[in-house]
Amino acid sequence: MVLTQPDRPAGRGMKLQHSAVKQYALSHGIELIQPRSLRLDGKAQADATLAREALVRAQADAMVVAAYGLILPQWVLDLPRLGCLNIHASLLPRWRGAAPIHRAIEAGDSQTGVTIMQMDAGLDTGPMLMTGRVPIAQTDTTGTLHDKLAALGGRLIVQTLERADRGELDPVAQPDTGVTYANKIDKAEAIVDWAEPAAVIERRFRAFDPFPGATAALGGETLKLWSARVIAPAPAPLAAPGTVLGADAEGITVACGQGNLLLTTLQRPGGKRMPAAQFLHGFGLRPGARFETPSL
């Protein structure tokens, strides 16, 4: 049996879209339910009641949870014989919460990983069952790192379930030190603050790819900025942060609070991502222009 969230509108037409989980379940004939909530005392009580009946009927030994997005009430945690096992994309207790991949890249972490965790009532606080590590490359985006961690998480959860079947699970409590929280990404964070160091801005570009992207205004247009390289400032008087210092086939050089940034992939409104050389063919730009703060 599979539980996934209700269909959501997506794309330019904002049509209801099936999640990848739902598509897989339907194509493989797996029983599927999409409750709006699992709280038996909430507004979607009828949904929760139907979900409870289905889960009781399934008599599952364990429930595997991956990026479900809804808080599991205690009745769900207690229902399977082996409890609920969560595939969390960080090395707990670092980066508990909603956006662990984004925050690890944004913070400049050199590595991350996957923790298989026995779920409890807290926010990613349960005991650890298995872990695996992955280095974070200097070119990794949230998209590329997500795919690496998804593959690792798939392998680890299979191994965990095999160990559980043999009665070999050895839960380890999370340490009290090293706890950090990966807050959900707010769209307002996408606005580039050029007064920050170039290295910080570059990491945020990668952390916010593919969503929500980094945003800045230039020449009356709100642009998406997708990739850049940090370059040392030239031995010349400092320009105000956000000032365009140069533009050529390699990219657009912008002054930051510390160091300069060479923008290499940009996107105009309604357009596609394109390398800087292609972007500049249709966008007149001279040194001295200033990036501005866009309105979201």
C-alpha atoms as a PDB file:
ATOM      1  CA  MET A   1       0.000   0.000   0.000  1.00  0.00           C
ATOM      2  CA  VAL A   2       1.153   3.548  -0.816  1.00  0.00           C
ATOM      3  CA  LEU A   3       0.188   6.834   0.808  1.00  0.00           C
ATOM      4  CA  THR A   4       1.003  10.072  -0.985  1.00  0.00           C
ATOM      5  CA  GLN A   5      -0.281  13.610  -0.788  1.00  0.00           C
ATOM      6  CA  PRO A   6      -3.264  14.763  -2.888  1.00  0.00           C
ATOM      7  CA  ASP A   7      -2.596  15.894  -6.454  1.00  0.00           C
ATOM      8  CA  ARG A   8      -1.312  19.477  -6.690  1.00  0.00           C
ATOM      9  CA  PRO A   9      -1.554  22.054  -9.505  1.00  0.00           C
ATOM     10  CA  ALA A  10       1.773  22.475 -11.287  1.00  0.00           C
ATOM     11  CA  GLY A  11       3.295  23.799 -14.486  1.00  0.00           C
ATOM     12  CA  ARG A  12       2.326  26.865 -16.492  1.00  0.00           C
ATOM     13  CA  GLY A  13      -1.242  25.667 -16.868  1.00  0.00           C
ATOM     14  CA  MET A  14      -1.468  24.890 -13.140  1.00  0.00           C
ATOM     15  CA  LYS A  15      -3.209  21.592 -13.888  1.00  0.00           C
ATOM     16  CA  LEU A  16      -3.470  18.880 -11.256  1.00  0.00           C
ATOM     17  CA  GLN A  17      -0.425  16.632 -11.491  1.00  0.00           C
ATOM     18  CA  HIS A  18       0.168  13.123 -10.158  1.00  0.00           C
ATOM     19  CA  SER A  19       3.256  12.784  -7.983  1.00  0.00           C
ATOM     20  CA  ALA A  20       5.970  10.376  -9.120  1.00  0.00           C
ATOM     21  CA  VAL A  21       4.935   8.094  -6.262  1.00  0.00           C
ATOM     22  CA  LYS A  22       1.335   8.012  -7.470  1.00  0.00           C
ATOM     23  CA  GLN A  23       2.381   7.340 -11.056  1.00  0.00           C
ATOM     24  CA  TYR A  24       4.493   4.395  -9.921  1.00  0.00           C
ATOM     25  CA  ALA A  25       1.727   2.967  -7.734  1.00  0.00           C
ATOM     26  CA  LEU A  26      -0.851   3.223 -10.518  1.00  0.00           C
ATOM     27  CA  SER A  27       1.435   1.658 -13.129  1.00  0.00           C
ATOM     28  CA  HIS A  28       2.223  -1.276 -10.810  1.00  0.00           C
ATOM     29  CA  GLY A  29      -1.279  -1.888  -9.498  1.00  0.00           C
ATOM     30  CA  ILE A  30      -0.416  -0.926  -5.909  1.00  0.00           C
ATOM     31  CA  GLU A  31      -3.252   0.181  -3.637  1.00  0.00           C
ATOM     32  CA  LEU A  32      -3.084   3.962  -3.265  1.00  0.00           C
ATOM     33  CA  ILE A  33      -4.648   6.443  -0.854  1.00  0.00           C
ATOM     34  CA  GLN A  34      -4.196  10.237  -0.785  1.00  0.00           C
ATOM     35  CA  PRO A  35      -5.529  11.617   2.502  1.00  0.00           C
ATOM     36  CA  ARG A  36      -5.460  15.374   3.013  1.00  0.00           C
ATOM     37  CA  SER A  37      -4.599  14.738   6.656  1.00  0.00           C
ATOM     38  CA  LEU A  38      -3.974  11.879   9.068  1.00  0.00           C
ATOM     39  CA  ARG A  39      -5.332  13.685  12.106  1.00  0.00           C
ATOM     40  CA  LEU A  40      -8.458  12.000  13.369  1.00  0.00           C
ATOM     41  CA  ASP A  41      -9.573  15.222  15.077  1.00  0.00           C
ATOM     42  CA  GLY A  42      -8.813  17.630  12.224  1.00  0.00           C
ATOM     43  CA  LYS A  43     -10.813  19.283   9.432  1.00  0.00           C
ATOM     44  CA  ALA A  44     -10.145  16.342   7.102  1.00  0.00           C
ATOM     45  CA  GLN A  45     -11.323  13.798   9.682  1.00  0.00           C
ATOM     46  CA  ALA A  46     -13.131  11.710   7.068  1.00  0.00           C
ATOM     47  CA  ASP A  47      -9.906  11.349   5.053  1.00  0.00           C
ATOM     48  CA  ALA A  48      -7.975  10.333   8.157  1.00  0.00           C
ATOM     49  CA  THR A  49     -10.597   7.779   9.160  1.00  0.00           C
ATOM     50  CA  LEU A  50     -10.525   6.134   5.732  1.00  0.00           C
ATOM     51  CA  ALA A  51      -6.719   6.102   5.819  1.00  0.00           C
ATOM     52  CA  ARG A  52      -6.752   4.475   9.246  1.00  0.00           C
ATOM     53  CA  GLU A  53      -9.142   1.769   8.076  1.00  0.00           C
ATOM     54  CA  ALA A  54      -6.916   1.050   5.060  1.00  0.00           C
ATOM     55  CA  LEU A  55      -3.737   0.909   7.144  1.00  0.00           C
ATOM     56  CA  VAL A  56      -5.279  -1.366   9.760  1.00  0.00           C
ATOM     57  CA  ARG A  57      -6.492  -3.647   6.987  1.00  0.00           C
ATOM     58  CA  ALA A  58      -3.007  -3.765   5.447  1.00  0.00           C
ATOM     59  CA  GLN A  59      -1.447  -5.151   8.655  1.00  0.00           C
ATOM     60  CA  ALA A  60       1.941  -3.809   7.597  1.00  0.00           C
ATOM     61  CA  ASP A  61       5.058  -4.831   9.489  1.00  0.00           C
ATOM     62  CA  ALA A  62       6.658  -1.429   8.799  1.00  0.00           C
ATOM     63  CA  MET A  63       5.958   1.875   7.091  1.00  0.00           C
ATOM     64  CA  VAL A  64       8.676   3.591   5.062  1.00  0.00           C
ATOM     65  CA  VAL A  65       8.420   7.390   4.969  1.00  0.00           C
ATOM     66  CA  ALA A  66      10.259   9.563   2.441  1.00  0.00           C
ATOM     67  CA  ALA A  67       9.534  13.295   1.982  1.00  0.00           C
ATOM     68  CA  TYR A  68       5.862  12.745   2.796  1.00  0.00           C
ATOM     69  CA  GLY A  69       5.288  16.324   3.938  1.00  0.00           C
ATOM     70  CA  LEU A  70       2.600  15.577   6.524  1.00  0.00           C
ATOM     71  CA  ILE A  71       3.151  15.097  10.245  1.00  0.00           C
ATOM     72  CA  LEU A  72       2.383  11.533  11.294  1.00  0.00           C
ATOM     73  CA  PRO A  73       0.209  11.415  14.427  1.00  0.00           C
ATOM     74  CA  GLN A  74       0.961   8.921  17.170  1.00  0.00           C
ATOM     75  CA  TRP A  75      -1.660   6.428  16.002  1.00  0.00           C
ATOM     76  CA  VAL A  76       0.224   6.040  12.713  1.00  0.00           C
ATOM     77  CA  LEU A  77       3.608   5.689  14.432  1.00  0.00           C
ATOM     78  CA  ASP A  78       2.227   2.957  16.699  1.00  0.00           C
ATOM     79  CA  LEU A  79       0.377   0.977  14.032  1.00  0.00           C
ATOM     80  CA  PRO A  80       3.085  -1.105  12.260  1.00  0.00           C
ATOM     81  CA  ARG A  81       4.801  -3.837  14.255  1.00  0.00           C
ATOM     82  CA  LEU A  82       8.247  -2.373  13.458  1.00  0.00           C
ATOM     83  CA  GLY A  83       7.085   1.226  13.482  1.00  0.00           C
ATOM     84  CA  CYS A  84       7.690   3.915  10.865  1.00  0.00           C
ATOM     85  CA  LEU A  85      11.117   4.217   9.257  1.00  0.00           C
ATOM     86  CA  ASN A  86      12.107   7.575   7.775  1.00  0.00           C
ATOM     87  CA  ILE A  87      14.646   8.133   4.975  1.00  0.00           C
ATOM     88  CA  HIS A  88      16.123  11.509   5.936  1.00  0.00           C
ATOM     89  CA  ALA A  89      18.563  13.290   3.609  1.00  0.00           C
ATOM     90  CA  SER A  90      21.162  14.405   6.136  1.00  0.00           C
ATOM     91  CA  LEU A  91      23.570  13.106   8.742  1.00  0.00           C
ATOM     92  CA  LEU A  92      21.403  13.570  11.804  1.00  0.00           C
ATOM     93  CA  PRO A  93      21.274  15.443  14.088  1.00  0.00           C
ATOM     94  CA  ARG A  94      22.596  18.000  11.574  1.00  0.00           C
ATOM     95  CA  TRP A  95      19.862  19.446   9.369  1.00  0.00           C
ATOM     96  CA  ARG A  96      16.691  18.154  10.920  1.00  0.00           C
ATOM     97  CA  GLY A  97      13.652  19.552   9.149  1.00  0.00           C
ATOM     98  CA  ALA A  98      12.209  20.279   5.740  1.00  0.00           C
ATOM     99  CA  ALA A  99      15.132  21.335   3.521  1.00  0.00           C
ATOM    100  CA  PRO A 100      18.261  19.424   4.546  1.00  0.00           C
ATOM    101  CA  ILE A 101      19.799  19.222   1.062  1.00  0.00           C
ATOM    102  CA  HIS A 102      19.379  22.935   0.345  1.00  0.00           C
ATOM    103  CA  ARG A 103      20.780  23.984   3.703  1.00  0.00           C
ATOM    104  CA  ALA A 104      23.806  21.688   3.530  1.00  0.00           C
ATOM    105  CA  ILE A 105      24.883  23.238   0.208  1.00  0.00           C
ATOM    106  CA  GLU A 106      24.049  26.761   1.342  1.00  0.00           C
ATOM    107  CA  ALA A 107      26.140  26.318   4.504  1.00  0.00           C
ATOM    108  CA  GLY A 108      29.142  25.062   2.542  1.00  0.00           C
ATOM    109  CA  ASP A 109      29.159  21.593   4.135  1.00  0.00           C
ATOM    110  CA  SER A 110      31.779  19.289   2.655  1.00  0.00           C
ATOM    111  CA  GLN A 111      29.629  16.182   3.080  1.00  0.00           C
ATOM    112  CA  THR A 112      26.113  15.047   3.833  1.00  0.00           C
ATOM    113  CA  GLY A 113      24.321  11.724   3.668  1.00  0.00           C
ATOM    114  CA  VAL A 114      21.234   9.720   4.514  1.00  0.00           C
ATOM    115  CA  THR A 115      19.999   8.612   7.917  1.00  0.00           C
ATOM    116  CA  ILE A 116      17.435   5.837   8.271  1.00  0.00           C
ATOM    117  CA  MET A 117      15.596   6.793  11.436  1.00  0.00           C
ATOM    118  CA  GLN A 118      12.989   5.196  13.671  1.00  0.00           C
ATOM    119  CA  MET A 119      10.315   7.871  13.753  1.00  0.00           C
ATOM    120  CA  ASP A 120       8.967   9.300  16.992  1.00  0.00           C
ATOM    121  CA  ALA A 121       6.728  12.251  17.825  1.00  0.00           C
ATOM    122  CA  GLY A 122       9.550  14.806  17.485  1.00  0.00           C
ATOM    123  CA  LEU A 123      10.878  16.585  14.387  1.00  0.00           C
ATOM    124  CA  ASP A 124      13.467  14.124  13.035  1.00  0.00           C
ATOM    125  CA  THR A 125      14.531  13.262  16.584  1.00  0.00           C
ATOM    126  CA  GLY A 126      14.134   9.474  16.562  1.00  0.00           C
ATOM    127  CA  PRO A 127      16.936   6.928  17.007  1.00  0.00           C
ATOM    128  CA  MET A 128      19.203   6.199  14.050  1.00  0.00           C
ATOM    129  CA  LEU A 129      19.213   2.777  12.402  1.00  0.00           C
ATOM    130  CA  MET A 130      21.649   3.187   9.482  1.00  0.00           C
ATOM    131  CA  THR A 131      23.642   6.019   7.912  1.00  0.00           C
ATOM    132  CA  GLY A 132      25.565   6.591   4.696  1.00  0.00           C
ATOM    133  CA  ARG A 133      27.778   9.506   3.642  1.00  0.00           C
ATOM    134  CA  VAL A 134      28.182  11.430   0.381  1.00  0.00           C
ATOM    135  CA  PRO A 135      30.722  14.194  -0.380  1.00  0.00           C
ATOM    136  CA  ILE A 136      29.255  17.473  -1.631  1.00  0.00           C
ATOM    137  CA  ALA A 137      31.021  18.477  -4.841  1.00  0.00           C
ATOM    138  CA  GLN A 138      31.817  22.111  -5.600  1.00  0.00           C
ATOM    139  CA  THR A 139      29.429  21.877  -8.564  1.00  0.00           C
ATOM    140  CA  ASP A 140      26.566  20.091  -6.792  1.00  0.00           C
ATOM    141  CA  THR A 141      23.125  21.659  -6.884  1.00  0.00           C
ATOM    142  CA  THR A 142      20.182  20.572  -4.792  1.00  0.00           C
ATOM    143  CA  GLY A 143      18.972  18.700  -7.883  1.00  0.00           C
ATOM    144  CA  THR A 144      22.155  16.696  -8.444  1.00  0.00           C
ATOM    145  CA  LEU A 145      22.730  16.039  -4.741  1.00  0.00           C
ATOM    146  CA  HIS A 146      19.105  14.956  -4.308  1.00  0.00           C
ATOM    147  CA  ASP A 147      19.592  12.258  -6.943  1.00  0.00           C
ATOM    148  CA  LYS A 148      22.762  10.948  -5.274  1.00  0.00           C
ATOM    149  CA  LEU A 149      21.043  10.817  -1.893  1.00  0.00           C
ATOM    150  CA  ALA A 150      17.918   9.203  -3.336  1.00  0.00           C
ATOM    151  CA  ALA A 151      20.001   6.343  -4.716  1.00  0.00           C
ATOM    152  CA  LEU A 152      21.845   5.961  -1.410  1.00  0.00           C
ATOM    153  CA  GLY A 153      18.600   6.120   0.575  1.00  0.00           C
ATOM    154  CA  GLY A 154      17.071   3.397  -1.573  1.00  0.00           C
ATOM    155  CA  ARG A 155      19.967   1.064  -0.864  1.00  0.00           C
ATOM    156  CA  LEU A 156      20.006   1.834   2.859  1.00  0.00           C
ATOM    157  CA  ILE A 157      16.271   1.320   3.413  1.00  0.00           C
ATOM    158  CA  VAL A 158      16.422  -2.101   1.735  1.00  0.00           C
ATOM    159  CA  GLN A 159      19.316  -3.095   4.001  1.00  0.00           C
ATOM    160  CA  THR A 160      17.446  -1.739   7.038  1.00  0.00           C
ATOM    161  CA  LEU A 161      14.308  -3.723   6.236  1.00  0.00           C
ATOM    162  CA  GLU A 162      16.375  -6.886   5.735  1.00  0.00           C
ATOM    163  CA  ARG A 163      17.994  -6.357   9.136  1.00  0.00           C
ATOM    164  CA  ALA A 164      14.606  -5.646  10.698  1.00  0.00           C
ATOM    165  CA  ASP A 165      13.253  -8.904   9.294  1.00  0.00           C
ATOM    166  CA  ARG A 166      16.129 -10.748  10.969  1.00  0.00           C
ATOM    167  CA  GLY A 167      15.630  -8.871  14.258  1.00  0.00           C
ATOM    168  CA  GLU A 168      19.031  -7.212  13.925  1.00  0.00           C
ATOM    169  CA  LEU A 169      18.117  -3.527  14.237  1.00  0.00           C
ATOM    170  CA  ASP A 170      20.324  -1.654  16.684  1.00  0.00           C
ATOM    171  CA  PRO A 171      18.818   1.829  17.275  1.00  0.00           C
ATOM    172  CA  VAL A 172      21.288   4.537  18.318  1.00  0.00           C
ATOM    173  CA  ALA A 173      20.038   7.687  20.025  1.00  0.00           C
ATOM    174  CA  GLN A 174      20.936  10.939  18.295  1.00  0.00           C
ATOM    175  CA  PRO A 175      23.600  12.965  20.120  1.00  0.00           C
ATOM    176  CA  ASP A 176      22.571  16.149  21.887  1.00  0.00           C
ATOM    177  CA  THR A 177      25.400  18.093  20.248  1.00  0.00           C
ATOM    178  CA  GLY A 178      25.531  19.211  16.627  1.00  0.00           C
ATOM    179  CA  VAL A 179      21.798  19.769  16.215  1.00  0.00           C
ATOM    180  CA  THR A 180      20.822  22.153  13.393  1.00  0.00           C
ATOM    181  CA  TYR A 181      17.494  22.791  11.680  1.00  0.00           C
ATOM    182  CA  ALA A 182      16.868  23.025   7.947  1.00  0.00           C
ATOM    183  CA  ASN A 183      14.002  25.457   7.721  1.00  0.00           C
ATOM    184  CA  LYS A 184      11.685  25.319   4.721  1.00  0.00           C
ATOM    185  CA  ILE A 185      12.862  27.476   1.809  1.00  0.00           C
ATOM    186  CA  ASP A 186      11.032  30.809   1.614  1.00  0.00           C
ATOM    187  CA  LYS A 187      10.694  32.409  -1.825  1.00  0.00           C
ATOM    188  CA  ALA A 188      11.938  35.679  -0.348  1.00  0.00           C
ATOM    189  CA  GLU A 189      15.323  34.003   0.167  1.00  0.00           C
ATOM    190  CA  ALA A 190      15.689  33.802  -3.613  1.00  0.00           C
ATOM    191  CA  ILE A 191      16.419  37.542  -3.866  1.00  0.00           C
ATOM    192  CA  VAL A 192      20.167  38.059  -4.254  1.00  0.00           C
ATOM    193  CA  ASP A 193      21.832  40.312  -1.693  1.00  0.00           C
ATOM    194  CA  TRP A 194      24.935  41.475  -3.521  1.00  0.00           C
ATOM    195  CA  ALA A 195      26.391  42.882  -0.289  1.00  0.00           C
ATOM    196  CA  GLU A 196      27.078  39.316   0.823  1.00  0.00           C
ATOM    197  CA  PRO A 197      30.389  37.610  -0.035  1.00  0.00           C
ATOM    198  CA  ALA A 198      30.593  36.145  -3.529  1.00  0.00           C
ATOM    199  CA  ALA A 199      31.172  32.643  -2.134  1.00  0.00           C
ATOM    200  CA  VAL A 200      27.962  32.813  -0.085  1.00  0.00           C
ATOM    201  CA  ILE A 201      25.926  33.966  -3.077  1.00  0.00           C
ATOM    202  CA  GLU A 202      27.376  31.247  -5.326  1.00  0.00           C
ATOM    203  CA  ARG A 203      26.465  28.523  -2.843  1.00  0.00           C
ATOM    204  CA  ARG A 204      22.928  29.870  -2.637  1.00  0.00           C
ATOM    205  CA  PHE A 205      22.616  29.681  -6.438  1.00  0.00           C
ATOM    206  CA  ARG A 206      23.381  25.966  -6.226  1.00  0.00           C
ATOM    207  CA  ALA A 207      21.258  25.409  -3.128  1.00  0.00           C
ATOM    208  CA  PHE A 208      18.217  26.984  -4.816  1.00  0.00           C
ATOM    209  CA  ASP A 209      18.542  25.004  -8.060  1.00  0.00           C
ATOM    210  CA  PRO A 210      16.035  23.781  -9.223  1.00  0.00           C
ATOM    211  CA  PHE A 211      13.763  25.686  -6.779  1.00  0.00           C
ATOM    212  CA  PRO A 212      13.201  28.537  -6.168  1.00  0.00           C
ATOM    213  CA  GLY A 213      16.199  29.832  -8.124  1.00  0.00           C
ATOM    214  CA  ALA A 214      18.109  33.041  -7.364  1.00  0.00           C
ATOM    215  CA  THR A 215      16.403  36.257  -8.466  1.00  0.00           C
ATOM    216  CA  ALA A 216      17.718  39.725  -9.339  1.00  0.00           C
ATOM    217  CA  ALA A 217      16.493  42.641 -11.461  1.00  0.00           C
ATOM    218  CA  LEU A 218      18.537  44.155 -14.277  1.00  0.00           C
ATOM    219  CA  GLY A 219      17.504  46.546 -17.018  1.00  0.00           C
ATOM    220  CA  GLY A 220      13.873  46.466 -15.950  1.00  0.00           C
ATOM    221  CA  GLU A 221      13.663  42.661 -16.088  1.00  0.00           C
ATOM    222  CA  THR A 222      13.544  40.121 -13.265  1.00  0.00           C
ATOM    223  CA  LEU A 223      16.125  37.464 -14.033  1.00  0.00           C
ATOM    224  CA  LYS A 224      16.836  34.012 -12.655  1.00  0.00           C
ATOM    225  CA  LEU A 225      20.514  33.377 -11.953  1.00  0.00           C
ATOM    226  CA  TRP A 226      21.461  29.709 -11.982  1.00  0.00           C
ATOM    227  CA  SER A 227      25.232  29.323 -11.904  1.00  0.00           C
ATOM    228  CA  ALA A 228      28.340  31.387 -11.261  1.00  0.00           C
ATOM    229  CA  ARG A 229      32.020  31.230 -10.366  1.00  0.00           C
ATOM    230  CA  VAL A 230      33.757  33.150  -7.621  1.00  0.00           C
ATOM    231  CA  ILE A 231      36.638  35.237  -8.941  1.00  0.00           C
ATOM    232  CA  ALA A 232      39.131  37.415  -7.092  1.00  0.00           C
ATOM    233  CA  PRO A 233      38.541  41.182  -7.359  1.00  0.00           C
ATOM    234  CA  ALA A 234      40.881  43.102  -9.645  1.00  0.00           C
ATOM    235  CA  PRO A 235      43.343  45.520  -7.996  1.00  0.00           C
ATOM    236  CA  ALA A 236      41.129  48.544  -8.605  1.00  0.00           C
ATOM    237  CA  PRO A 237      38.798  50.720  -6.527  1.00  0.00           C
ATOM    238  CA  LEU A 238      35.884  48.702  -5.145  1.00  0.00           C
ATOM    239  CA  ALA A 239      32.582  49.082  -6.962  1.00  0.00           C
ATOM    240  CA  ALA A 240      29.258  49.085  -5.137  1.00  0.00           C
ATOM    241  CA  PRO A 241      27.786  45.595  -4.657  1.00  0.00           C
ATOM    242  CA  GLY A 242      25.601  44.603  -7.610  1.00  0.00           C
ATOM    243  CA  THR A 243      27.611  46.649 -10.134  1.00  0.00           C
ATOM    244  CA  VAL A 244      28.388  44.988 -13.456  1.00  0.00           C
ATOM    245  CA  LEU A 245      32.165  45.128 -13.930  1.00  0.00           C
ATOM    246  CA  GLY A 246      32.333  43.383 -17.278  1.00  0.00           C
ATOM    247  CA  ALA A 247      30.442  41.155 -19.696  1.00  0.00           C
ATOM    248  CA  ASP A 248      31.846  38.812 -22.329  1.00  0.00           C
ATOM    249  CA  ALA A 249      31.442  35.261 -23.631  1.00  0.00           C
ATOM    250  CA  GLU A 250      32.706  33.829 -20.343  1.00  0.00           C
ATOM    251  CA  GLY A 251      30.078  35.557 -18.245  1.00  0.00           C
ATOM    252  CA  ILE A 252      28.951  38.688 -16.461  1.00  0.00           C
ATOM    253  CA  THR A 253      31.229  39.893 -13.674  1.00  0.00           C
ATOM    254  CA  VAL A 254      29.393  41.453 -10.736  1.00  0.00           C
ATOM    255  CA  ALA A 255      30.855  43.136  -7.662  1.00  0.00           C
ATOM    256  CA  CYS A 256      29.845  41.619  -4.329  1.00  0.00           C
ATOM    257  CA  GLY A 257      30.399  42.586  -0.719  1.00  0.00           C
ATOM    258  CA  GLN A 258      33.551  40.479  -0.784  1.00  0.00           C
ATOM    259  CA  GLY A 259      35.042  39.312  -4.064  1.00  0.00           C
ATOM    260  CA  ASN A 260      33.359  39.219  -7.466  1.00  0.00           C
ATOM    261  CA  LEU A 261      31.011  36.750  -9.088  1.00  0.00           C
ATOM    262  CA  LEU A 262      31.079  35.619 -12.718  1.00  0.00           C
ATOM    263  CA  LEU A 263      27.493  34.800 -13.744  1.00  0.00           C
ATOM    264  CA  THR A 264      27.542  31.941 -16.242  1.00  0.00           C
ATOM    265  CA  THR A 265      23.904  30.791 -16.597  1.00  0.00           C
ATOM    266  CA  LEU A 266      20.915  33.142 -16.624  1.00  0.00           C
ATOM    267  CA  GLN A 267      17.238  33.088 -17.532  1.00  0.00           C
ATOM    268  CA  ARG A 268      14.946  35.877 -18.755  1.00  0.00           C
ATOM    269  CA  PRO A 269      11.240  35.975 -17.863  1.00  0.00           C
ATOM    270  CA  GLY A 270       9.350  33.344 -19.865  1.00  0.00           C
ATOM    271  CA  GLY A 271      12.579  32.033 -21.363  1.00  0.00           C
ATOM    272  CA  LYS A 272      14.905  29.115 -20.822  1.00  0.00           C
ATOM    273  CA  ARG A 273      18.185  28.880 -19.008  1.00  0.00           C
ATOM    274  CA  MET A 274      21.052  29.924 -21.242  1.00  0.00           C
ATOM    275  CA  PRO A 275      24.808  30.412 -21.007  1.00  0.00           C
ATOM    276  CA  ALA A 276      25.943  33.997 -20.528  1.00  0.00           C
ATOM    277  CA  ALA A 277      27.275  34.308 -24.082  1.00  0.00           C
ATOM    278  CA  GLN A 278      23.851  33.462 -25.520  1.00  0.00           C
ATOM    279  CA  PHE A 279      22.079  35.635 -22.961  1.00  0.00           C
ATOM    280  CA  LEU A 280      24.163  38.672 -23.928  1.00  0.00           C
ATOM    281  CA  HIS A 281      23.240  38.336 -27.631  1.00  0.00           C
ATOM    282  CA  GLY A 282      19.728  39.516 -26.802  1.00  0.00           C
ATOM    283  CA  PHE A 283      20.421  41.643 -23.743  1.00  0.00           C
ATOM    284  CA  GLY A 284      22.418  44.856 -24.125  1.00  0.00           C
ATOM    285  CA  LEU A 285      24.666  45.266 -21.111  1.00  0.00           C
ATOM    286  CA  ARG A 286      27.528  47.604 -20.316  1.00  0.00           C
ATOM    287  CA  PRO A 287      29.903  47.875 -17.365  1.00  0.00           C
ATOM    288  CA  GLY A 288      28.514  50.153 -14.706  1.00  0.00           C
ATOM    289  CA  ALA A 289      24.963  48.782 -14.871  1.00  0.00           C
ATOM    290  CA  ARG A 290      23.523  47.831 -11.499  1.00  0.00           C
ATOM    291  CA  PHE A 291      21.482  44.838 -10.413  1.00  0.00           C
ATOM    292  CA  GLU A 292      18.466  45.867  -8.364  1.00  0.00           C
ATOM    293  CA  THR A 293      16.175  44.194  -5.871  1.00  0.00           C
ATOM    294  CA  PRO A 294      13.176  42.673  -7.686  1.00  0.00           C
ATOM    295  CA  SER A 295       9.638  42.579  -6.380  1.00  0.00           C
ATOM    296  CA  LEU A 296       8.286  39.067  -5.865  1.00  0.00           C
END
